[in-house]
PDB file of N, CA and C in Angstrom:
ATOM      1  N   GLN A   1      31.247-116.964 -95.046  1.00  0.00           N
ATOM      2  CA  GLN A   1      32.042-116.846 -93.836  1.00  0.00           C
ATOM      3  C   GLN A   1      31.808-115.464 -93.225  1.00  0.00           C
ATOM      4  N   VAL A   2      31.384-115.467 -91.977  1.00  0.00           N
ATOM      5  CA  VAL A   2      31.103-114.213 -91.290  1.00  0.00           C
ATOM      6  C   VAL A   2      32.402-113.570 -90.820  1.00  0.00           C
ATOM      7  N   GLN A   3      32.533-112.294 -91.113  1.00  0.00           N
ATOM      8  CA  GLN A   3      33.699-111.552 -90.641  1.00  0.00           C
ATOM      9  C   GLN A   3      33.253-110.255 -89.991  1.00  0.00           C
ATOM     10  N   LEU A   4      33.847-109.964 -88.861  1.00  0.00           N
ATOM     11  CA  LEU A   4      33.598-108.717 -88.140  1.00  0.00           C
ATOM     12  C   LEU A   4      34.933-108.015 -87.957  1.00  0.00           C
ATOM     13  N   VAL A   5      35.005-106.771 -88.366  1.00  0.00           N
ATOM     14  CA  VAL A   5      36.259-106.035 -88.278  1.00  0.00           C
ATOM     15  C   VAL A   5      36.013-104.702 -87.576  1.00  0.00           C
ATOM     16  N   GLU A   6      36.607-104.553 -86.399  1.00  0.00           N
ATOM     17  CA  GLU A   6      36.447-103.327 -85.630  1.00  0.00           C
ATOM     18  C   GLU A   6      37.486-102.287 -86.021  1.00  0.00           C
ATOM     19  N   SER A   7      37.137-101.042 -85.790  1.00  0.00           N
ATOM     20  CA  SER A   7      38.064 -99.928 -85.975  1.00  0.00           C
ATOM     21  C   SER A   7      37.585 -98.764 -85.114  1.00  0.00           C
ATOM     22  N   GLY A   8      38.445 -97.769 -84.968  1.00  0.00           N
ATOM     23  CA  GLY A   8      38.044 -96.556 -84.272  1.00  0.00           C
ATOM     24  C   GLY A   8      38.581 -96.399 -82.868  1.00  0.00           C
ATOM     25  N   GLY A   9      39.286 -97.405 -82.375  1.00  0.00           N
ATOM     26  CA  GLY A   9      39.853 -97.276 -81.033  1.00  0.00           C
ATOM     27  C   GLY A   9      40.978 -96.265 -81.010  1.00  0.00           C
ATOM     28  N   GLY A  10      41.423 -95.938 -79.819  1.00  0.00           N
ATOM     29  CA  GLY A  10      42.511 -94.990 -79.674  1.00  0.00           C
ATOM     30  C   GLY A  10      42.645 -94.520 -78.244  1.00  0.00           C
ATOM     31  N   SER A  11      43.387 -93.453 -78.072  1.00  0.00           N
ATOM     32  CA  SER A  11      43.629 -92.889 -76.744  1.00  0.00           C
ATOM     33  C   SER A  11      42.964 -91.525 -76.640  1.00  0.00           C
ATOM     34  N   VAL A  12      42.242 -91.330 -75.551  1.00  0.00           N
ATOM     35  CA  VAL A  12      41.580 -90.050 -75.301  1.00  0.00           C
ATOM     36  C   VAL A  12      41.732 -89.707 -73.832  1.00  0.00           C
ATOM     37  N   GLN A  13      41.456 -88.462 -73.513  1.00  0.00           N
ATOM     38  CA  GLN A  13      41.468 -88.043 -72.123  1.00  0.00           C
ATOM     39  C   GLN A  13      40.064 -88.209 -71.529  1.00  0.00           C
ATOM     40  N   THR A  14      40.025 -88.205 -70.215  1.00  0.00           N
ATOM     41  CA  THR A  14      38.747 -88.294 -69.514  1.00  0.00           C
ATOM     42  C   THR A  14      37.790 -87.233 -70.024  1.00  0.00           C
ATOM     43  N   GLY A  15      36.555 -87.667 -70.290  1.00  0.00           N
ATOM     44  CA  GLY A  15      35.546 -86.762 -70.801  1.00  0.00           C
ATOM     45  C   GLY A  15      35.454 -86.738 -72.319  1.00  0.00           C
ATOM     46  N   GLY A  16      36.423 -87.346 -72.970  1.00  0.00           N
ATOM     47  CA  GLY A  16      36.436 -87.355 -74.422  1.00  0.00           C
ATOM     48  C   GLY A  16      35.469 -88.366 -75.024  1.00  0.00           C
ATOM     49  N   SER A  17      35.481 -88.423 -76.345  1.00  0.00           N
ATOM     50  CA  SER A  17      34.570 -89.313 -77.075  1.00  0.00           C
ATOM     51  C   SER A  17      35.329 -90.098 -78.142  1.00  0.00           C
ATOM     52  N   LEU A  18      34.808 -91.249 -78.446  1.00  0.00           N
ATOM     53  CA  LEU A  18      35.297 -92.069 -79.543  1.00  0.00           C
ATOM     54  C   LEU A  18      34.100 -92.773 -80.174  1.00  0.00           C
ATOM     55  N   ARG A  19      34.230 -93.081 -81.451  1.00  0.00           N
ATOM     56  CA  ARG A  19      33.216 -93.889 -82.107  1.00  0.00           C
ATOM     57  C   ARG A  19      33.883 -95.120 -82.697  1.00  0.00           C
ATOM     58  N   LEU A  20      33.437 -96.264 -82.245  1.00  0.00           N
ATOM     59  CA  LEU A  20      33.921 -97.518 -82.773  1.00  0.00           C
ATOM     60  C   LEU A  20      33.019 -97.989 -83.906  1.00  0.00           C
ATOM     61  N   SER A  21      33.635 -98.635 -84.883  1.00  0.00           N
ATOM     62  CA  SER A  21      32.884 -99.195 -85.996  1.00  0.00           C
ATOM     63  C   SER A  21      33.181-100.687 -86.094  1.00  0.00           C
ATOM     64  N   CYS A  22      32.209-101.417 -86.582  1.00  0.00           N
ATOM     65  CA  CYS A  22      32.372-102.854 -86.805  1.00  0.00           C
ATOM     66  C   CYS A  22      31.776-103.170 -88.165  1.00  0.00           C
ATOM     67  N   ALA A  23      32.647-103.433 -89.125  1.00  0.00           N
ATOM     68  CA  ALA A  23      32.201-103.781 -90.469  1.00  0.00           C
ATOM     69  C   ALA A  23      31.872-105.269 -90.514  1.00  0.00           C
ATOM     70  N   VAL A  24      30.685-105.576 -90.986  1.00  0.00           N
ATOM     71  CA  VAL A  24      30.195-106.950 -91.000  1.00  0.00           C
ATOM     72  C   VAL A  24      30.081-107.445 -92.435  1.00  0.00           C
ATOM     73  N   SER A  25      30.594-108.625 -92.676  1.00  0.00           N
ATOM     74  CA  SER A  25      30.461-109.228 -93.994  1.00  0.00           C
ATOM     75  C   SER A  25      30.135-110.707 -93.860  1.00  0.00           C
ATOM     76  N   GLY A  26      29.500-111.240 -94.886  1.00  0.00           N
ATOM     77  CA  GLY A  26      29.191-112.662 -94.914  1.00  0.00           C
ATOM     78  C   GLY A  26      28.068-113.098 -94.000  1.00  0.00           C
ATOM     79  N   TYR A  27      27.358-112.155 -93.426  1.00  0.00           N
ATOM     80  CA  TYR A  27      26.286-112.484 -92.465  1.00  0.00           C
ATOM     81  C   TYR A  27      24.966-112.470 -93.205  1.00  0.00           C
ATOM     82  N   THR A  28      24.398-113.645 -93.408  1.00  0.00           N
ATOM     83  CA  THR A  28      23.197-113.740 -94.219  1.00  0.00           C
ATOM     84  C   THR A  28      21.954-114.103 -93.412  1.00  0.00           C
ATOM     85  N   TYR A  29      22.064-114.195 -92.113  1.00  0.00           N
ATOM     86  CA  TYR A  29      20.923-114.553 -91.280  1.00  0.00           C
ATOM     87  C   TYR A  29      19.941-113.399 -91.202  1.00  0.00           C
ATOM     88  N   ARG A  30      18.674-113.742 -91.163  1.00  0.00           N
ATOM     89  CA  ARG A  30      17.655-112.707 -91.125  1.00  0.00           C
ATOM     90  C   ARG A  30      17.468-112.137 -89.733  1.00  0.00           C
ATOM     91  N   ARG A  31      17.711-112.966 -88.741  1.00  0.00           N
ATOM     92  CA  ARG A  31      17.598-112.497 -87.369  1.00  0.00           C
ATOM     93  C   ARG A  31      18.980-112.484 -86.756  1.00  0.00           C
ATOM     94  N   TYR A  32      19.233-111.484 -85.931  1.00  0.00           N
ATOM     95  CA  TYR A  32      20.552-111.407 -85.323  1.00  0.00           C
ATOM     96  C   TYR A  32      20.515-110.564 -84.060  1.00  0.00           C
ATOM     97  N   CYS A  33      21.535-110.750 -83.305  1.00  0.00           N
ATOM     98  CA  CYS A  33      21.820-109.885 -82.170  1.00  0.00           C
ATOM     99  C   CYS A  33      23.281-109.477 -82.309  1.00  0.00           C
ATOM    100  N   MET A  34      23.520-108.196 -82.357  1.00  0.00           N
ATOM    101  CA  MET A  34      24.874-107.676 -82.432  1.00  0.00           C
ATOM    102  C   MET A  34      25.219-107.039 -81.086  1.00  0.00           C
ATOM    103  N   GLY A  35      26.460-107.198 -80.706  1.00  0.00           N
ATOM    104  CA  GLY A  35      26.836-106.646 -79.412  1.00  0.00           C
ATOM    105  C   GLY A  35      28.240-106.099 -79.388  1.00  0.00           C
ATOM    106  N   TRP A  36      28.464-105.210 -78.453  1.00  0.00           N
ATOM    107  CA  TRP A  36      29.802-104.730 -78.133  1.00  0.00           C
ATOM    108  C   TRP A  36      30.158-105.246 -76.741  1.00  0.00           C
ATOM    109  N   PHE A  37      31.366-105.762 -76.647  1.00  0.00           N
ATOM    110  CA  PHE A  37      31.893-106.255 -75.385  1.00  0.00           C
ATOM    111  C   PHE A  37      33.232-105.578 -75.126  1.00  0.00           C
ATOM    112  N   ARG A  38      33.683-105.653 -73.904  1.00  0.00           N
ATOM    113  CA  ARG A  38      34.994-105.113 -73.598  1.00  0.00           C
ATOM    114  C   ARG A  38      35.674-105.979 -72.548  1.00  0.00           C
ATOM    115  N   GLN A  39      36.994-105.926 -72.599  1.00  0.00           N
ATOM    116  CA  GLN A  39      37.772-106.673 -71.627  1.00  0.00           C
ATOM    117  C   GLN A  39      38.961-105.846 -71.190  1.00  0.00           C
ATOM    118  N   ALA A  40      38.979-105.518 -69.921  1.00  0.00           N
ATOM    119  CA  ALA A  40      40.094-104.790 -69.335  1.00  0.00           C
ATOM    120  C   ALA A  40      41.124-105.793 -68.838  1.00  0.00           C
ATOM    121  N   PRO A  41      42.388-105.370 -68.704  1.00  0.00           N
ATOM    122  CA  PRO A  41      43.430-106.281 -68.230  1.00  0.00           C
ATOM    123  C   PRO A  41      43.057-106.925 -66.892  1.00  0.00           C
ATOM    124  N   GLY A  42      43.149-108.236 -66.847  1.00  0.00           N
ATOM    125  CA  GLY A  42      42.882-108.950 -65.616  1.00  0.00           C
ATOM    126  C   GLY A  42      41.416-109.105 -65.265  1.00  0.00           C
ATOM    127  N   LYS A  43      40.541-108.698 -66.177  1.00  0.00           N
ATOM    128  CA  LYS A  43      39.107-108.776 -65.880  1.00  0.00           C
ATOM    129  C   LYS A  43      38.391-109.655 -66.896  1.00  0.00           C
ATOM    130  N   GLU A  44      37.230-110.087 -66.501  1.00  0.00           N
ATOM    131  CA  GLU A  44      36.374-110.883 -67.379  1.00  0.00           C
ATOM    132  C   GLU A  44      35.816-110.006 -68.490  1.00  0.00           C
ATOM    133  N   ARG A  45      35.613-110.609 -69.654  1.00  0.00           N
ATOM    134  CA  ARG A  45      34.957-109.889 -70.743  1.00  0.00           C
ATOM    135  C   ARG A  45      33.511-109.601 -70.340  1.00  0.00           C
ATOM    136  N   GLU A  46      33.062-108.396 -70.616  1.00  0.00           N
ATOM    137  CA  GLU A  46      31.717-108.016 -70.214  1.00  0.00           C
ATOM    138  C   GLU A  46      30.960-107.380 -71.364  1.00  0.00           C
ATOM    139  N   GLY A  47      29.657-107.559 -71.325  1.00  0.00           N
ATOM    140  CA  GLY A  47      28.815-106.946 -72.326  1.00  0.00           C
ATOM    141  C   GLY A  47      28.672-105.458 -72.079  1.00  0.00           C
ATOM    142  N   VAL A  48      28.668-104.692 -73.142  1.00  0.00           N
ATOM    143  CA  VAL A  48      28.529-103.238 -73.062  1.00  0.00           C
ATOM    144  C   VAL A  48      27.183-102.799 -73.607  1.00  0.00           C
ATOM    145  N   ALA A  49      26.853-103.281 -74.801  1.00  0.00           N
ATOM    146  CA  ALA A  49      25.599-102.883 -75.446  1.00  0.00           C
ATOM    147  C   ALA A  49      25.234-103.914 -76.500  1.00  0.00           C
ATOM    148  N   THR A  50      23.945-104.057 -76.727  1.00  0.00           N
ATOM    149  CA  THR A  50      23.461-104.959 -77.772  1.00  0.00           C
ATOM    150  C   THR A  50      22.376-104.286 -78.597  1.00  0.00           C
ATOM    151  N   LEU A  51      22.203-104.810 -79.802  1.00  0.00           N
ATOM    152  CA  LEU A  51      21.192-104.291 -80.720  1.00  0.00           C
ATOM    153  C   LEU A  51      20.685-105.464 -81.537  1.00  0.00           C
ATOM    154  N   ASN A  52      19.359-105.579 -81.688  1.00  0.00           N
ATOM    155  CA  ASN A  52      18.856-106.721 -82.442  1.00  0.00           C
ATOM    156  C   ASN A  52      18.247-106.278 -83.770  1.00  0.00           C
ATOM    157  N   THR A  53      17.646-107.245 -84.447  1.00  0.00           N
ATOM    158  CA  THR A  53      17.094-107.029 -85.770  1.00  0.00           C
ATOM    159  C   THR A  53      16.060-105.900 -85.786  1.00  0.00           C
ATOM    160  N   ASN A  54      15.376-105.731 -84.668  1.00  0.00           N
ATOM    161  CA  ASN A  54      14.336-104.706 -84.571  1.00  0.00           C
ATOM    162  C   ASN A  54      14.856-103.387 -84.013  1.00  0.00           C
ATOM    163  N   ASP A  55      16.179-103.259 -83.962  1.00  0.00           N
ATOM    164  CA  ASP A  55      16.809-102.046 -83.434  1.00  0.00           C
ATOM    165  C   ASP A  55      16.551-101.860 -81.935  1.00  0.00           C
ATOM    166  N   TYR A  56      16.190-102.924 -81.269  1.00  0.00           N
ATOM    167  CA  TYR A  56      16.032-102.845 -79.816  1.00  0.00           C
ATOM    168  C   TYR A  56      17.425-102.867 -79.189  1.00  0.00           C
ATOM    169  N   THR A  57      17.684-101.930 -78.294  1.00  0.00           N
ATOM    170  CA  THR A  57      19.026-101.809 -77.709  1.00  0.00           C
ATOM    171  C   THR A  57      18.991-102.006 -76.197  1.00  0.00           C
ATOM    172  N   THR A  58      20.080-102.535 -75.683  1.00  0.00           N
ATOM    173  CA  THR A  58      20.260-102.627 -74.237  1.00  0.00           C
ATOM    174  C   THR A  58      21.683-102.204 -73.904  1.00  0.00           C
ATOM    175  N   TYR A  59      21.878-101.764 -72.660  1.00  0.00           N
ATOM    176  CA  TYR A  59      23.184-101.279 -72.236  1.00  0.00           C
ATOM    177  C   TYR A  59      23.517-101.793 -70.838  1.00  0.00           C
ATOM    178  N   ALA A  60      24.796-101.950 -70.619  1.00  0.00           N
ATOM    179  CA  ALA A  60      25.258-102.218 -69.265  1.00  0.00           C
ATOM    180  C   ALA A  60      25.037-100.954 -68.434  1.00  0.00           C
ATOM    181  N   ASN A  61      24.768-101.129 -67.156  1.00  0.00           N
ATOM    182  CA  ASN A  61      24.519 -99.967 -66.304  1.00  0.00           C
ATOM    183  C   ASN A  61      25.700 -99.011 -66.281  1.00  0.00           C
ATOM    184  N   SER A  62      26.886 -99.553 -66.402  1.00  0.00           N
ATOM    185  CA  SER A  62      28.092 -98.730 -66.315  1.00  0.00           C
ATOM    186  C   SER A  62      28.252 -97.761 -67.479  1.00  0.00           C
ATOM    187  N   VAL A  63      27.554 -98.005 -68.590  1.00  0.00           N
ATOM    188  CA  VAL A  63      27.712 -97.127 -69.753  1.00  0.00           C
ATOM    189  C   VAL A  63      26.403 -96.449 -70.155  1.00  0.00           C
ATOM    190  N   LYS A  64      25.331 -96.785 -69.472  1.00  0.00           N
ATOM    191  CA  LYS A  64      24.027 -96.244 -69.826  1.00  0.00           C
ATOM    192  C   LYS A  64      24.058 -94.715 -69.738  1.00  0.00           C
ATOM    193  N   GLY A  65      23.541 -94.072 -70.774  1.00  0.00           N
ATOM    194  CA  GLY A  65      23.536 -92.619 -70.820  1.00  0.00           C
ATOM    195  C   GLY A  65      24.797 -92.019 -71.427  1.00  0.00           C
ATOM    196  N   ARG A  66      25.831 -92.843 -71.610  1.00  0.00           N
ATOM    197  CA  ARG A  66      27.086 -92.342 -72.184  1.00  0.00           C
ATOM    198  C   ARG A  66      27.387 -92.976 -73.538  1.00  0.00           C
ATOM    199  N   TYR A  67      26.997 -94.221 -73.716  1.00  0.00           N
ATOM    200  CA  TYR A  67      27.263 -94.948 -74.949  1.00  0.00           C
ATOM    201  C   TYR A  67      25.974 -95.097 -75.745  1.00  0.00           C
ATOM    202  N   VAL A  68      26.147 -95.144 -77.066  1.00  0.00           N
ATOM    203  CA  VAL A  68      25.007 -95.392 -77.954  1.00  0.00           C
ATOM    204  C   VAL A  68      25.422 -96.402 -79.014  1.00  0.00           C
ATOM    205  N   ILE A  69      24.680 -97.493 -79.105  1.00  0.00           N
ATOM    206  CA  ILE A  69      24.915 -98.495 -80.138  1.00  0.00           C
ATOM    207  C   ILE A  69      23.943 -98.237 -81.279  1.00  0.00           C
ATOM    208  N   SER A  70      24.429 -98.380 -82.501  1.00  0.00           N
ATOM    209  CA  SER A  70      23.565 -98.148 -83.656  1.00  0.00           C
ATOM    210  C   SER A  70      24.097 -98.953 -84.832  1.00  0.00           C
ATOM    211  N   GLN A  71      23.339 -98.980 -85.896  1.00  0.00           N
ATOM    212  CA  GLN A  71      23.770 -99.707 -87.080  1.00  0.00           C
ATOM    213  C   GLN A  71      23.365 -98.962 -88.336  1.00  0.00           C
ATOM    214  N   ASP A  72      24.134 -99.177 -89.363  1.00  0.00           N
ATOM    215  CA  ASP A  72      23.817 -98.657 -90.685  1.00  0.00           C
ATOM    216  C   ASP A  72      23.688 -99.867 -91.595  1.00  0.00           C
ATOM    217  N   ASN A  73      22.470-100.263 -91.870  1.00  0.00           N
ATOM    218  CA  ASN A  73      22.264-101.477 -92.649  1.00  0.00           C
ATOM    219  C   ASN A  73      22.814-101.357 -94.064  1.00  0.00           C
ATOM    220  N   ALA A  74      22.756-100.161 -94.619  1.00  0.00           N
ATOM    221  CA  ALA A  74      23.258 -99.965 -95.980  1.00  0.00           C
ATOM    222  C   ALA A  74      24.766-100.200 -96.051  1.00  0.00           C
ATOM    223  N   LYS A  75      25.440 -99.911 -94.948  1.00  0.00           N
ATOM    224  CA  LYS A  75      26.901-100.071 -94.912  1.00  0.00           C
ATOM    225  C   LYS A  75      27.317-101.350 -94.198  1.00  0.00           C
ATOM    226  N   ASN A  76      26.331-102.110 -93.710  1.00  0.00           N
ATOM    227  CA  ASN A  76      26.643-103.329 -92.939  1.00  0.00           C
ATOM    228  C   ASN A  76      27.641-103.029 -91.828  1.00  0.00           C
ATOM    229  N   THR A  77      27.358-101.993 -91.108  1.00  0.00           N
ATOM    230  CA  THR A  77      28.283-101.543 -90.065  1.00  0.00           C
ATOM    231  C   THR A  77      27.540-101.280 -88.758  1.00  0.00           C
ATOM    232  N   LEU A  78      28.155-101.740 -87.693  1.00  0.00           N
ATOM    233  CA  LEU A  78      27.675-101.513 -86.335  1.00  0.00           C
ATOM    234  C   LEU A  78      28.561-100.448 -85.711  1.00  0.00           C
ATOM    235  N   TYR A  79      27.967 -99.569 -84.927  1.00  0.00           N
ATOM    236  CA  TYR A  79      28.720 -98.500 -84.297  1.00  0.00           C
ATOM    237  C   TYR A  79      28.546 -98.517 -82.779  1.00  0.00           C
ATOM    238  N   LEU A  80      29.517 -97.928 -82.115  1.00  0.00           N
ATOM    239  CA  LEU A  80      29.389 -97.665 -80.684  1.00  0.00           C
ATOM    240  C   LEU A  80      29.941 -96.271 -80.441  1.00  0.00           C
ATOM    241  N   GLN A  81      29.055 -95.330 -80.208  1.00  0.00           N
ATOM    242  CA  GLN A  81      29.458 -93.973 -79.863  1.00  0.00           C
ATOM    243  C   GLN A  81      29.669 -93.920 -78.359  1.00  0.00           C
ATOM    244  N   MET A  82      30.879 -93.531 -77.962  1.00  0.00           N
ATOM    245  CA  MET A  82      31.232 -93.505 -76.544  1.00  0.00           C
ATOM    246  C   MET A  82      31.535 -92.071 -76.143  1.00  0.00           C
ATOM    247  N   ASN A  83      30.752 -91.552 -75.225  1.00  0.00           N
ATOM    248  CA  ASN A  83      30.911 -90.179 -74.751  1.00  0.00           C
ATOM    249  C   ASN A  83      31.242 -90.163 -73.266  1.00  0.00           C
ATOM    250  N   SER A  84      31.727 -89.033 -72.816  1.00  0.00           N
ATOM    251  CA  SER A  84      32.066 -88.861 -71.393  1.00  0.00           C
ATOM    252  C   SER A  84      32.905 -90.024 -70.884  1.00  0.00           C
ATOM    253  N   LEU A  85      33.935 -90.345 -71.622  1.00  0.00           N
ATOM    254  CA  LEU A  85      34.751 -91.509 -71.288  1.00  0.00           C
ATOM    255  C   LEU A  85      35.493 -91.314 -69.976  1.00  0.00           C
ATOM    256  N   LYS A  86      35.645 -92.443 -69.282  1.00  0.00           N
ATOM    257  CA  LYS A  86      36.318 -92.462 -67.986  1.00  0.00           C
ATOM    258  C   LYS A  86      37.498 -93.423 -68.050  1.00  0.00           C
ATOM    259  N   PRO A  87      38.465 -93.273 -67.167  1.00  0.00           N
ATOM    260  CA  PRO A  87      39.600 -94.217 -67.164  1.00  0.00           C
ATOM    261  C   PRO A  87      39.150 -95.671 -67.030  1.00  0.00           C
ATOM    262  N   GLU A  88      38.086 -95.915 -66.310  1.00  0.00           N
ATOM    263  CA  GLU A  88      37.595 -97.290 -66.148  1.00  0.00           C
ATOM    264  C   GLU A  88      36.970 -97.867 -67.414  1.00  0.00           C
ATOM    265  N   ASP A  89      36.831 -97.049 -68.455  1.00  0.00           N
ATOM    266  CA  ASP A  89      36.363 -97.551 -69.747  1.00  0.00           C
ATOM    267  C   ASP A  89      37.510 -98.123 -70.570  1.00  0.00           C
ATOM    268  N   THR A  90      38.722 -97.963 -70.085  1.00  0.00           N
ATOM    269  CA  THR A  90      39.887 -98.492 -70.786  1.00  0.00           C
ATOM    270  C   THR A  90      39.793-100.007 -70.907  1.00  0.00           C
ATOM    271  N   ALA A  91      39.894-100.502 -72.151  1.00  0.00           N
ATOM    272  CA  ALA A  91      39.755-101.936 -72.393  1.00  0.00           C
ATOM    273  C   ALA A  91      39.925-102.205 -73.885  1.00  0.00           C
ATOM    274  N   TRP A  92      40.001-103.478 -74.204  1.00  0.00           N
ATOM    275  CA  TRP A  92      39.851-103.906 -75.586  1.00  0.00           C
ATOM    276  C   TRP A  92      38.347-104.051 -75.828  1.00  0.00           C
ATOM    277  N   TYR A  93      37.899-103.515 -76.942  1.00  0.00           N
ATOM    278  CA  TYR A  93      36.489-103.576 -77.291  1.00  0.00           C
ATOM    279  C   TYR A  93      36.295-104.494 -78.490  1.00  0.00           C
ATOM    280  N   TYR A  94      35.295-105.347 -78.380  1.00  0.00           N
ATOM    281  CA  TYR A  94      35.019-106.332 -79.414  1.00  0.00           C
ATOM    282  C   TYR A  94      33.569-106.238 -79.862  1.00  0.00           C
ATOM    283  N   CYS A  95      33.341-106.429 -81.147  1.00  0.00           N
ATOM    284  CA  CYS A  95      31.961-106.607 -81.584  1.00  0.00           C
ATOM    285  C   CYS A  95      31.730-108.093 -81.806  1.00  0.00           C
ATOM    286  N   ALA A  96      30.496-108.484 -81.647  1.00  0.00           N
ATOM    287  CA  ALA A  96      30.138-109.892 -81.730  1.00  0.00           C
ATOM    288  C   ALA A  96      28.732-110.031 -82.276  1.00  0.00           C
ATOM    289  N   ALA A  97      28.424-111.223 -82.745  1.00  0.00           N
ATOM    290  CA  ALA A  97      27.104-111.485 -83.304  1.00  0.00           C
ATOM    291  C   ALA A  97      26.653-112.889 -82.938  1.00  0.00           C
ATOM    292  N   THR A  98      25.350-113.018 -82.807  1.00  0.00           N
ATOM    293  CA  THR A  98      24.748-114.317 -82.589  1.00  0.00           C
ATOM    294  C   THR A  98      23.415-114.358 -83.310  1.00  0.00           C
ATOM    295  N   VAL A  99      22.990-115.560 -83.673  1.00  0.00           N
ATOM    296  CA  VAL A  99      21.749-115.681 -84.439  1.00  0.00           C
ATOM    297  C   VAL A  99      20.580-116.137 -83.580  1.00  0.00           C
ATOM    298  N   SER A 100      20.837-116.422 -82.333  1.00  0.00           N
ATOM    299  CA  SER A 100      19.754-116.958 -81.517  1.00  0.00           C
ATOM    300  C   SER A 100      19.860-116.480 -80.082  1.00  0.00           C
ATOM    301  N   GLY A 101      18.772-116.686 -79.362  1.00  0.00           N
ATOM    302  CA  GLY A 101      18.763-116.362 -77.944  1.00  0.00           C
ATOM    303  C   GLY A 101      18.427-114.914 -77.667  1.00  0.00           C
ATOM    304  N   SER A 102      18.453-114.584 -76.398  1.00  0.00           N
ATOM    305  CA  SER A 102      18.116-113.229 -75.983  1.00  0.00           C
ATOM    306  C   SER A 102      19.195-112.248 -76.423  1.00  0.00           C
ATOM    307  N   CYS A 103      18.791-111.014 -76.542  1.00  0.00           N
ATOM    308  CA  CYS A 103      19.736-109.985 -76.999  1.00  0.00           C
ATOM    309  C   CYS A 103      19.800-108.896 -75.935  1.00  0.00           C
ATOM    310  N   THR A 104      20.638-109.138 -74.940  1.00  0.00           N
ATOM    311  CA  THR A 104      20.802-108.164 -73.872  1.00  0.00           C
ATOM    312  C   THR A 104      22.268-108.036 -73.521  1.00  0.00           C
ATOM    313  N   ALA A 105      22.626-106.886 -72.959  1.00  0.00           N
ATOM    314  CA  ALA A 105      24.024-106.638 -72.609  1.00  0.00           C
ATOM    315  C   ALA A 105      24.492-107.581 -71.508  1.00  0.00           C
ATOM    316  N   GLY A 106      23.547-108.174 -70.785  1.00  0.00           N
ATOM    317  CA  GLY A 106      23.921-109.084 -69.717  1.00  0.00           C
ATOM    318  C   GLY A 106      24.154-110.511 -70.161  1.00  0.00           C
ATOM    319  N   ARG A 107      23.962-110.760 -71.423  1.00  0.00           N
ATOM    320  CA  ARG A 107      24.140-112.122 -71.922  1.00  0.00           C
ATOM    321  C   ARG A 107      25.612-112.518 -71.878  1.00  0.00           C
ATOM    322  N   GLN A 108      25.843-113.763 -71.513  1.00  0.00           N
ATOM    323  CA  GLN A 108      27.206-114.277 -71.398  1.00  0.00           C
ATOM    324  C   GLN A 108      27.928-114.198 -72.738  1.00  0.00           C
ATOM    325  N   TRP A 109      29.144-113.674 -72.719  1.00  0.00           N
ATOM    326  CA  TRP A 109      29.866-113.438 -73.964  1.00  0.00           C
ATOM    327  C   TRP A 109      30.179-114.736 -74.695  1.00  0.00           C
ATOM    328  N   THR A 110      30.302-115.827 -73.990  1.00  0.00           N
ATOM    329  CA  THR A 110      30.657-117.104 -74.625  1.00  0.00           C
ATOM    330  C   THR A 110      29.546-117.655 -75.511  1.00  0.00           C
ATOM    331  N   THR A 111      28.356-117.071 -75.411  1.00  0.00           N
ATOM    332  CA  THR A 111      27.243-117.564 -76.229  1.00  0.00           C
ATOM    333  C   THR A 111      27.149-116.864 -77.586  1.00  0.00           C
ATOM    334  N   PHE A 112      28.031-115.914 -77.832  1.00  0.00           N
ATOM    335  CA  PHE A 112      28.064-115.260 -79.143  1.00  0.00           C
ATOM    336  C   PHE A 112      29.009-116.039 -80.049  1.00  0.00           C
ATOM    337  N   GLU A 113      28.549-116.339 -81.278  1.00  0.00           N
ATOM    338  CA  GLU A 113      29.321-117.208 -82.160  1.00  0.00           C
ATOM    339  C   GLU A 113      30.399-116.489 -82.950  1.00  0.00           C
ATOM    340  N   TYR A 114      30.152-115.248 -83.293  1.00  0.00           N
ATOM    341  CA  TYR A 114      31.061-114.549 -84.206  1.00  0.00           C
ATOM    342  C   TYR A 114      31.697-113.346 -83.514  1.00  0.00           C
ATOM    343  N   TRP A 115      32.996-113.172 -83.748  1.00  0.00           N
ATOM    344  CA  TRP A 115      33.758-112.132 -83.057  1.00  0.00           C
ATOM    345  C   TRP A 115      34.714-111.416 -83.987  1.00  0.00           C
ATOM    346  N   GLY A 116      34.928-110.146 -83.701  1.00  0.00           N
ATOM    347  CA  GLY A 116      35.982-109.415 -84.356  1.00  0.00           C
ATOM    348  C   GLY A 116      37.275-109.558 -83.586  1.00  0.00           C
ATOM    349  N   GLN A 117      38.306-108.922 -84.091  1.00  0.00           N
ATOM    350  CA  GLN A 117      39.638-109.052 -83.481  1.00  0.00           C
ATOM    351  C   GLN A 117      39.856-108.068 -82.337  1.00  0.00           C
ATOM    352  N   GLY A 118      38.983-107.082 -82.233  1.00  0.00           N
ATOM    353  CA  GLY A 118      39.069-106.117 -81.136  1.00  0.00           C
ATOM    354  C   GLY A 118      39.788-104.841 -81.517  1.00  0.00           C
ATOM    355  N   THR A 119      39.486-103.797 -80.777  1.00  0.00           N
ATOM    356  CA  THR A 119      40.154-102.518 -80.937  1.00  0.00           C
ATOM    357  C   THR A 119      40.367-101.937 -79.541  1.00  0.00           C
ATOM    358  N   GLN A 120      41.537-101.342 -79.334  1.00  0.00           N
ATOM    359  CA  GLN A 120      41.898-100.914 -77.994  1.00  0.00           C
ATOM    360  C   GLN A 120      41.467 -99.482 -77.729  1.00  0.00           C
ATOM    361  N   VAL A 121      40.911 -99.272 -76.561  1.00  0.00           N
ATOM    362  CA  VAL A 121      40.502 -97.939 -76.115  1.00  0.00           C
ATOM    363  C   VAL A 121      41.223 -97.636 -74.807  1.00  0.00           C
ATOM    364  N   THR A 122      41.899 -96.506 -74.776  1.00  0.00           N
ATOM    365  CA  THR A 122      42.615 -96.089 -73.568  1.00  0.00           C
ATOM    366  C   THR A 122      42.143 -94.701 -73.177  1.00  0.00           C
ATOM    367  N   VAL A 123      41.702 -94.559 -71.949  1.00  0.00           N
ATOM    368  CA  VAL A 123      41.233 -93.274 -71.440  1.00  0.00           C
ATOM    369  C   VAL A 123      42.160 -92.860 -70.308  1.00  0.00           C
ATOM    370  N   SER A 124      42.793 -91.723 -70.473  1.00  0.00           N
ATOM    371  CA  SER A 124      43.737 -91.251 -69.464  1.00  0.00           C
ATOM    372  C   SER A 124      43.104 -90.146 -68.628  1.00  0.00           C
ATOM    373  N   SER A 125      43.546 -90.062 -67.383  1.00  0.00           N
ATOM    374  CA  SER A 125      42.981 -89.064 -66.471  1.00  0.00           C
ATOM    375  C   SER A 125      43.755 -87.772 -66.529  1.00  0.00           C
TER     376      SER A 125
END
């Protein structure tokens, strides 16, 4: 049974940084696409960043240059380093995984099979 558990959310001021973690267990597929998504109140869930088996990464334009997605295979953990945070980055952040298809931040969130419970990020001005 695949489980994804996020942590690391919190409240920061504009310009601050946070690092989100996603602990992955039960995932035995050799190929994968891991992603971070976010959903702000009243808005559609959107892709933020993705990373595949080959460490190829993609980012949404809104976070490019500020966020970095990475993984530690030894710890089975996915990370999202968020720098220069803005109030518009405020949202619930989710990690997700899929075993097939393209691995890009623009991929529709409904096509990812596995999800964590989310962690809240609040950026104040």
